[in-house]
Protein backbone atom coordinates (compact mmCIF):
# COMPACT_ATOMS: atom_id res chain seq x y z
CA MET A 1 -0.27 -17.89 47.99
CA SER A 2 0.66 -19.71 44.74
CA MET A 3 -0.41 -18.82 41.00
CA LYS A 4 -2.89 -21.39 40.80
CA ASP A 5 -4.59 -19.87 44.01
CA LEU A 6 -5.33 -16.64 42.36
CA PRO A 7 -8.44 -15.68 40.35
CA LEU A 8 -7.57 -15.73 36.90
CA SER A 9 -8.06 -11.84 36.79
CA LEU A 10 -5.34 -11.33 39.10
CA ARG A 11 -2.72 -13.96 37.41
CA PRO A 12 -0.09 -12.09 35.63
CA ARG A 13 -0.25 -13.81 32.57
CA GLU A 14 -4.05 -13.16 32.26
CA ARG A 15 -3.73 -9.62 32.92
CA LEU A 16 -0.89 -9.22 30.55
CA LEU A 17 -2.88 -10.48 27.57
CA SER A 18 -5.82 -8.52 28.82
CA CYS A 19 -4.31 -5.10 30.05
CA GLY A 20 -0.96 -4.97 28.50
CA ALA A 21 2.32 -5.63 29.62
CA GLN A 22 2.71 -1.98 31.16
CA SER A 23 -0.27 -2.91 33.59
CA LEU A 24 1.93 -5.30 35.21
CA ALA A 25 4.70 -4.62 37.84
CA SER A 26 8.48 -6.08 37.08
CA GLU A 27 8.14 -8.89 39.50
CA GLU A 28 4.83 -9.93 37.61
CA LEU A 29 6.60 -9.69 34.01
CA LEU A 30 9.54 -11.91 35.37
CA ALA A 31 6.94 -14.28 36.78
CA VAL A 32 5.44 -14.73 33.49
CA LEU A 33 8.90 -15.44 31.84
CA LEU A 34 9.84 -18.03 34.93
CA ARG A 35 6.21 -19.48 34.50
CA THR A 36 6.72 -21.88 37.59
CA GLY A 37 7.94 -21.29 41.17
CA LEU A 38 10.06 -23.84 43.26
CA PRO A 39 8.67 -26.36 45.76
CA GLY A 40 7.24 -24.09 48.75
CA ARG A 41 8.36 -20.95 47.00
CA GLY A 42 5.59 -19.75 44.38
CA VAL A 43 6.56 -17.81 41.14
CA LEU A 44 6.03 -14.02 42.20
CA ASP A 45 7.82 -14.68 45.60
CA LEU A 46 10.93 -16.39 43.21
CA ALA A 47 10.57 -13.01 40.86
CA SER A 48 11.07 -10.91 43.61
CA ALA A 49 13.81 -12.52 45.23
CA LEU A 50 15.69 -12.41 41.89
CA LEU A 51 14.91 -8.56 41.68
CA GLN A 52 16.12 -8.04 45.38
CA GLU A 53 19.28 -10.33 44.52
CA PHE A 54 20.63 -8.26 41.56
CA LYS A 55 19.42 -4.65 42.92
CA GLY A 56 16.47 -4.42 40.09
CA LEU A 57 16.05 -4.73 36.42
CA ALA A 58 19.53 -3.09 35.64
CA GLY A 59 21.29 -5.74 37.65
CA LEU A 60 19.24 -8.50 36.41
CA LEU A 61 19.93 -7.55 32.76
CA ALA A 62 23.80 -7.93 33.24
CA ALA A 63 23.52 -11.41 35.12
CA ARG A 64 25.58 -13.92 33.57
CA PRO A 65 24.48 -17.99 33.79
CA GLN A 66 26.95 -17.92 36.51
CA ASP A 67 25.67 -15.20 38.56
CA LEU A 68 21.96 -16.90 38.15
CA LYS A 69 23.41 -19.88 40.10
CA ARG A 70 23.40 -18.25 43.34
CA ILE A 71 19.60 -18.37 43.50
CA LYS A 72 18.70 -21.38 45.18
CA GLY A 73 16.81 -23.81 42.65
CA LEU A 74 17.20 -21.97 39.60
CA GLY A 75 17.75 -24.55 36.92
CA PRO A 76 19.51 -24.33 33.59
CA ALA A 77 16.53 -23.99 31.75
CA LYS A 78 15.06 -20.76 33.58
CA ARG A 79 18.64 -19.40 33.55
CA ALA A 80 19.20 -19.61 29.95
CA GLU A 81 15.55 -18.29 29.47
CA ILE A 82 16.49 -15.15 31.73
CA VAL A 83 19.78 -14.46 29.98
CA ALA A 84 18.44 -14.79 26.56
CA VAL A 85 15.40 -12.05 27.22
CA MET A 86 17.75 -9.95 29.10
CA GLU A 87 20.24 -9.93 26.06
CA LEU A 88 17.56 -9.28 23.62
CA ALA A 89 16.56 -6.16 25.77
CA ARG A 90 19.99 -4.93 25.60
CA ARG A 91 20.11 -5.32 21.59
CA ALA A 92 16.75 -3.83 21.31
CA ALA A 93 18.13 -0.52 22.95
CA ALA A 94 21.31 -0.48 20.82
CA GLN A 95 19.47 -1.32 17.75
CA GLU A 96 17.11 1.88 18.81
CA LEU A 97 19.80 4.31 19.43
CA GLY A 98 21.82 2.98 16.00
CA GLN A 99 18.76 3.95 13.81
CA ALA A 100 18.39 7.67 14.81
CA PRO A 101 20.77 9.98 16.23
CA VAL A 102 20.85 9.56 20.14
CA PHE A 103 19.76 12.93 21.40
CA ASP A 104 16.54 12.46 19.41
CA SER A 105 15.99 10.16 22.46
CA PRO A 106 18.12 11.60 25.60
CA THR A 107 16.22 9.36 27.85
CA GLN A 108 16.82 6.42 25.98
CA LEU A 109 20.59 7.00 25.92
CA LYS A 110 20.68 7.52 29.80
CA HIS A 111 18.66 4.23 30.27
CA TYR A 112 21.42 2.38 27.63
CA ALA A 113 24.13 3.96 29.73
CA ALA A 114 22.24 2.63 33.07
CA LEU A 115 21.77 -1.23 31.74
CA HIS A 116 25.46 -1.23 31.33
CA LEU A 117 26.61 0.35 34.31
CA ALA A 118 24.49 0.94 37.24
CA HIS A 119 24.42 -2.35 38.88
CA LEU A 120 28.41 -2.41 38.96
CA GLU A 121 29.95 -2.58 42.40
CA HIS A 122 33.34 -1.14 40.93
CA GLU A 123 33.91 2.10 39.14
CA SER A 124 33.75 1.31 35.34
CA PHE A 125 34.52 4.07 32.44
CA SER A 126 32.81 3.48 29.28
CA VAL A 127 32.78 5.17 25.97
CA ILE A 128 29.63 5.37 23.67
CA TYR A 129 31.04 5.62 20.22
CA LEU A 130 28.86 7.46 17.51
CA ASP A 131 28.79 8.13 13.71
CA THR A 132 28.72 11.20 11.81
CA ARG A 133 24.93 11.24 12.24
CA HIS A 134 25.46 10.59 15.94
CA ARG A 135 23.94 7.03 15.72
CA LEU A 136 25.23 4.42 17.96
CA ILE A 137 28.41 2.23 16.92
CA GLU A 138 29.44 0.55 19.90
CA LEU A 139 29.56 0.81 23.77
CA GLN A 140 32.96 0.04 24.88
CA THR A 141 34.15 -0.31 28.60
CA LEU A 142 37.55 0.85 28.64
CA PHE A 143 38.51 1.24 32.15
CA ARG A 144 37.69 -0.67 35.33
CA GLY A 145 38.86 0.64 38.75
CA THR A 146 38.32 -0.08 42.39
CA LEU A 147 35.09 1.30 44.20
CA SER A 148 36.40 4.87 44.38
CA GLN A 149 38.50 5.55 41.07
CA ALA A 150 39.58 4.48 37.75
CA SER A 151 42.38 5.15 35.87
CA VAL A 152 41.68 6.45 32.46
CA TYR A 153 44.36 7.43 29.90
CA PRO A 154 43.18 9.70 27.17
CA ARG A 155 45.39 7.97 24.63
CA GLU A 156 43.52 5.03 24.69
CA VAL A 157 40.40 6.78 24.25
CA VAL A 158 41.69 8.46 21.22
CA LYS A 159 42.86 5.34 19.79
CA GLU A 160 39.74 3.49 20.35
CA ALA A 161 37.80 6.43 18.89
CA LEU A 162 39.95 6.57 15.71
CA ALA A 163 39.73 2.51 15.30
CA ARG A 164 36.03 2.90 14.81
CA ASN A 165 36.08 5.75 12.76
CA ALA A 166 33.94 7.61 15.33
CA ALA A 167 33.05 11.25 14.62
CA ALA A 168 31.36 11.97 18.27
CA LEU A 169 31.12 10.10 21.52
CA VAL A 170 29.54 10.17 24.81
CA LEU A 171 31.72 9.50 27.93
CA ALA A 172 29.98 7.42 30.84
CA HIS A 173 30.98 6.12 34.06
CA ASN A 174 29.14 5.01 37.24
CA HIS A 175 29.58 5.81 40.79
CA PRO A 176 29.19 2.74 42.94
CA SER A 177 28.35 4.81 46.03
CA GLY A 178 24.89 5.00 43.98
CA VAL A 179 25.11 8.98 44.33
CA ALA A 180 25.60 10.44 40.48
CA GLU A 181 26.52 13.86 41.22
CA PRO A 182 29.82 14.44 39.38
CA SER A 183 32.89 15.20 41.03
CA ARG A 184 35.66 18.05 40.54
CA ALA A 185 37.74 14.83 39.39
CA ASP A 186 34.89 13.75 36.70
CA GLU A 187 35.07 17.50 35.34
CA TYR A 188 38.63 17.57 35.19
CA LEU A 189 38.84 14.21 33.25
CA THR A 190 36.16 15.56 30.93
CA GLN A 191 37.83 18.44 29.88
CA THR A 192 41.14 16.51 29.38
CA LEU A 193 39.63 13.91 27.19
CA LYS A 194 37.77 16.64 25.20
CA SER A 195 41.05 18.40 24.34
CA ALA A 196 42.85 15.52 23.49
CA LEU A 197 39.94 14.13 21.30
CA GLN A 198 39.43 17.64 19.76
CA LEU A 199 43.13 17.01 18.11
CA VAL A 200 41.61 14.09 16.18
CA ASP A 201 38.41 15.74 15.38
CA VAL A 202 35.96 13.80 17.74
CA ARG A 203 33.44 15.64 19.54
CA VAL A 204 32.64 14.84 23.05
CA LEU A 205 28.96 15.34 23.35
CA ASP A 206 28.09 14.44 26.86
CA HIS A 207 29.58 12.62 30.03
CA LEU A 208 26.96 10.64 31.77
CA VAL A 209 27.59 9.95 35.50
CA VAL A 210 25.53 6.73 36.33
CA GLY A 211 24.29 6.22 39.89
CA GLN A 212 21.36 3.94 41.63
CA GLY A 213 18.03 5.30 39.78
CA GLN A 214 19.60 8.59 38.44
CA VAL A 215 21.72 9.55 35.30
CA VAL A 216 23.41 12.90 35.22
CA SER A 217 24.25 14.67 32.18
CA PHE A 218 27.24 16.77 31.92
CA ALA A 219 25.46 18.60 28.86
CA GLU A 220 22.13 19.33 30.74
CA ARG A 221 24.27 20.97 33.78
CA GLY A 222 26.07 23.18 31.35
CA LEU A 223 29.44 21.60 32.30
CA LEU A 224 30.97 20.83 28.74
C-alpha cells in the first residue's frame, strides 16, 4: 500500500505532528525523511529496506554517501539528506556528552559508542578522551583489526591522550560476532593500558565492549 492510500490518521507525517515523533517506528521516521518512494516501491518499504541493508539505525548512522548507492533508485538528494541527518544525530550526541560529565548519563555514553562501533564488520578499537570534569573531548578510532582481533599499542594510546591533554578516558571496542561478552584478552589489555596511562596521570574510567544490541561496561562488571 502506498502512502497516499493510507488514511490521513495513519500516515507517518501526520501521526508525528499529532502524536509526537516517539509514537513512530524507526521505518516510519525514516519514511518521513525520505518523503517519497520509488516506482513500484512505497516509501515505507524503501525505509524498511534501508534499515535491513544497514542492520538498523546504528549502521545507517555510519553510512557514507557511497554506501547508500547500494540501494537501487536512491538518488543523490535522498542520499545527501540521510547523511546530513545522521551526522546531526552524531553531533547532538557528542554535544550532550561534551556539556556534562559522561557518567551523569552512562546510557548515553554506551549509545554514543554503539553509534560508532556496533555496525562494523571488523574489530575496531577506539578511545573516548575526557577532560578534567569528565566531559567529552573526542572519540578517536586508533586501531582497526580483522574479524577476530586488533593490535593495540599502549604507547600510541598514551601519546594521543597527552596530545589532547586528556585527564581520563574510556576505552571502547566492538566484537564483530555481535556478542559483547569481554574476553580474557580484553581484560588483560585493559589492565595493560590502565597501568601505562597511570604513569602519565590519565585515568581509565571504563572499557566498553560493543556487540549487537548490547554494550558491556567493565566498570559495571567490577573489572577495573
